[in-house]
C-alpha cells in the first residue's frame, strides 16, 4: 500500500472514530500519536495523515455545507457515518490539496468506500465527490 494511501486510510479512521466519540478529529489524532509511542501495534500517524485531519478540521463547516448542499435526497445526519467521514476527507483533499490530482482523490475515496462501507456507498461517494469536482472552479472556498 502506497504511503499516501495508508495516510488517507488512517485519516479516515481517525475521523470516523472522532465522529463516533463526539470528539474533535485532532484530539483523536493526538490519542493515536500518544498510543503509537508505547504500542508497536498502533500504526504511526504520518505527516500526510496530520495534514488531512488538520485540514479537514480547519474547513469542516464549509465542507459540511458543500456536502449538504450538493447531496440529492440525503442530509448529512442521514448519511452513514462511514460515508460521511469518507466524503468529508475526500472533499477536503479534492478542494484544498492542490498537489493531488482530482481523479486520484475520487478513486481513493471510492476504494475506501468499497473496503469500509456498503455495496451502495462507492457509487454514492463517487457521485457526490464527482459533483464537487465539476463545480470546483466555481466554488467559493
Protein backbone atom coordinates (compact mmCIF):
# COMPACT_ATOMS: atom_id res chain seq x y z
CA UNK A 1 0.00 0.00 0.00
CA UNK A 2 1.43 3.35 -1.02
CA UNK A 3 2.32 5.85 1.69
CA UNK A 4 -0.42 8.34 0.80
CA UNK A 5 -2.98 5.56 0.58
CA UNK A 6 -2.07 4.47 4.12
CA UNK A 7 -2.20 8.09 5.28
CA UNK A 8 -5.70 8.51 3.83
CA UNK A 9 -6.87 5.30 5.46
CA UNK A 10 -5.56 6.44 8.84
CA UNK A 11 -7.06 9.90 8.43
CA UNK A 12 -10.42 8.29 7.60
CA UNK A 13 -10.16 6.01 10.64
CA UNK A 14 -9.33 8.96 12.90
CA UNK A 15 -12.22 11.00 11.51
CA UNK A 16 -14.62 8.06 11.87
CA UNK A 17 -13.53 7.46 15.46
CA UNK A 18 -13.89 11.17 16.24
CA UNK A 19 -17.44 11.12 14.91
CA UNK A 20 -18.27 8.06 16.99
CA UNK A 21 -16.78 9.57 20.14
CA UNK A 22 -18.19 13.05 19.56
CA UNK A 23 -14.64 14.40 19.74
CA UNK A 24 -12.55 16.68 17.57
CA UNK A 25 -10.54 14.78 14.94
CA UNK A 26 -7.31 16.44 16.11
CA UNK A 27 -7.99 15.23 19.66
CA UNK A 28 -8.43 11.65 18.45
CA UNK A 29 -5.30 12.02 16.33
CA UNK A 30 -3.37 13.14 19.42
CA UNK A 31 -4.57 9.98 21.19
CA UNK A 32 -3.33 7.87 18.26
CA UNK A 33 0.06 9.60 18.35
CA UNK A 34 0.41 9.00 22.11
CA UNK A 35 -0.59 5.37 21.74
CA UNK A 36 1.87 4.81 18.88
CA UNK A 37 4.72 5.83 21.18
CA UNK A 38 4.00 2.94 23.55
CA UNK A 39 2.31 0.29 21.40
CA UNK A 40 4.10 -1.22 18.38
CA UNK A 41 0.76 -2.44 17.00
CA UNK A 42 -0.58 1.11 16.65
CA UNK A 43 0.16 2.42 13.15
CA UNK A 44 2.10 5.68 13.09
CA UNK A 45 0.42 8.94 12.20
CA UNK A 46 2.35 10.29 9.25
CA UNK A 47 2.75 13.89 8.24
CA UNK A 48 0.22 13.50 5.43
CA UNK A 49 -2.32 11.97 7.84
CA UNK A 50 -1.85 15.01 10.08
CA UNK A 51 -2.22 17.35 7.13
CA UNK A 52 -5.50 15.68 6.10
CA UNK A 53 -7.02 15.62 9.59
CA UNK A 54 -5.96 19.17 10.47
CA UNK A 55 -7.02 20.43 7.03
CA UNK A 56 -10.44 18.83 7.33
CA UNK A 57 -10.93 20.27 10.80
CA UNK A 58 -9.95 23.76 9.62
CA UNK A 59 -12.56 23.65 6.84
CA UNK A 60 -15.19 21.39 8.47
CA UNK A 61 -18.10 23.85 8.34
CA UNK A 62 -17.58 24.71 4.69
CA UNK A 63 -17.13 21.04 3.78
CA UNK A 64 -20.37 20.06 5.55
CA UNK A 65 -22.16 22.96 3.88
CA UNK A 66 -20.97 21.82 0.44
CA UNK A 67 -21.81 18.17 1.06
CA UNK A 68 -25.28 19.01 2.39
CA UNK A 69 -25.94 21.42 -0.45
CA UNK A 70 -24.98 19.01 -3.22
CA UNK A 71 -26.22 15.66 -1.98
CA UNK A 72 -29.56 14.85 -3.53
CA UNK A 73 -32.09 13.39 -1.12
CA UNK A 74 -29.62 12.94 1.73
CA UNK A 75 -28.97 15.14 4.73
CA UNK A 76 -25.63 14.81 6.47
CA UNK A 77 -27.32 13.29 9.51
CA UNK A 78 -28.99 10.63 7.39
CA UNK A 79 -25.74 9.52 5.73
CA UNK A 80 -23.99 6.52 7.26
CA UNK A 81 -21.11 7.66 9.47
CA UNK A 82 -18.59 5.80 7.32
CA UNK A 83 -19.77 7.54 4.16
CA UNK A 84 -19.93 10.93 5.85
CA UNK A 85 -16.34 10.53 7.07
CA UNK A 86 -15.14 9.43 3.63
CA UNK A 87 -16.94 12.31 1.94
CA UNK A 88 -15.51 14.84 4.37
CA UNK A 89 -12.00 13.54 3.83
CA UNK A 90 -12.43 13.37 0.06
CA UNK A 91 -13.97 16.85 -0.13
CA UNK A 92 -11.11 18.33 1.86
CA UNK A 93 -8.47 16.68 -0.29
CA UNK A 94 -10.30 17.48 -3.52
CA UNK A 95 -10.79 21.16 -2.75
CA UNK A 96 -7.74 22.14 -0.68
CA UNK A 97 -4.91 19.74 -1.58
CA UNK A 98 -3.87 21.05 -4.97
CA UNK A 99 -0.92 18.67 -5.37
CA UNK A 100 -3.21 15.62 -5.58
CA UNK A 101 -4.95 15.04 -8.92
CA UNK A 102 -8.74 15.12 -8.65
CA UNK A 103 -9.09 11.68 -10.26
CA UNK A 104 -6.80 10.20 -7.59
CA UNK A 105 -8.89 11.73 -4.80
CA UNK A 106 -12.09 10.25 -6.24
CA UNK A 107 -10.51 6.85 -6.88
CA UNK A 108 -9.06 6.65 -3.36
CA UNK A 109 -12.38 7.66 -1.75
CA UNK A 110 -14.23 5.03 -3.79
CA UNK A 111 -11.69 2.36 -2.83
CA UNK A 112 -12.08 3.23 0.86
CA UNK A 113 -15.87 3.05 0.45
CA UNK A 114 -15.52 -0.42 -1.10
CA UNK A 115 -13.35 -1.55 1.79
CA UNK A 116 -15.21 0.01 4.72
CA UNK A 117 -18.83 0.64 3.72
CA UNK A 118 -21.87 -0.86 1.99
CA UNK A 119 -22.27 -2.02 -1.60
CA UNK A 120 -24.12 1.19 -2.48
CA UNK A 121 -21.54 3.50 -0.94
CA UNK A 122 -18.88 3.57 -3.67
CA UNK A 123 -21.30 4.97 -6.24
CA UNK A 124 -22.74 7.45 -3.73
CA UNK A 125 -19.27 8.68 -2.72
CA UNK A 126 -18.16 8.85 -6.35
CA UNK A 127 -21.27 10.74 -7.41
CA UNK A 128 -21.15 13.39 -4.69
CA UNK A 129 -17.39 13.97 -4.90
CA UNK A 130 -17.65 13.95 -8.70
CA UNK A 131 -20.24 16.73 -8.46
CA UNK A 132 -17.93 18.77 -6.23
CA UNK A 133 -15.09 18.16 -8.69
CA UNK A 134 -17.24 19.51 -11.55
CA UNK A 135 -18.19 22.58 -9.52
CA UNK A 136 -14.71 23.12 -8.08
CA UNK A 137 -13.80 26.03 -10.37
CA UNK A 138 -16.95 27.91 -9.33
CA UNK A 139 -16.95 27.16 -5.59
CA UNK A 140 -16.04 29.83 -3.10
CA UNK A 141 -13.76 28.28 -0.53
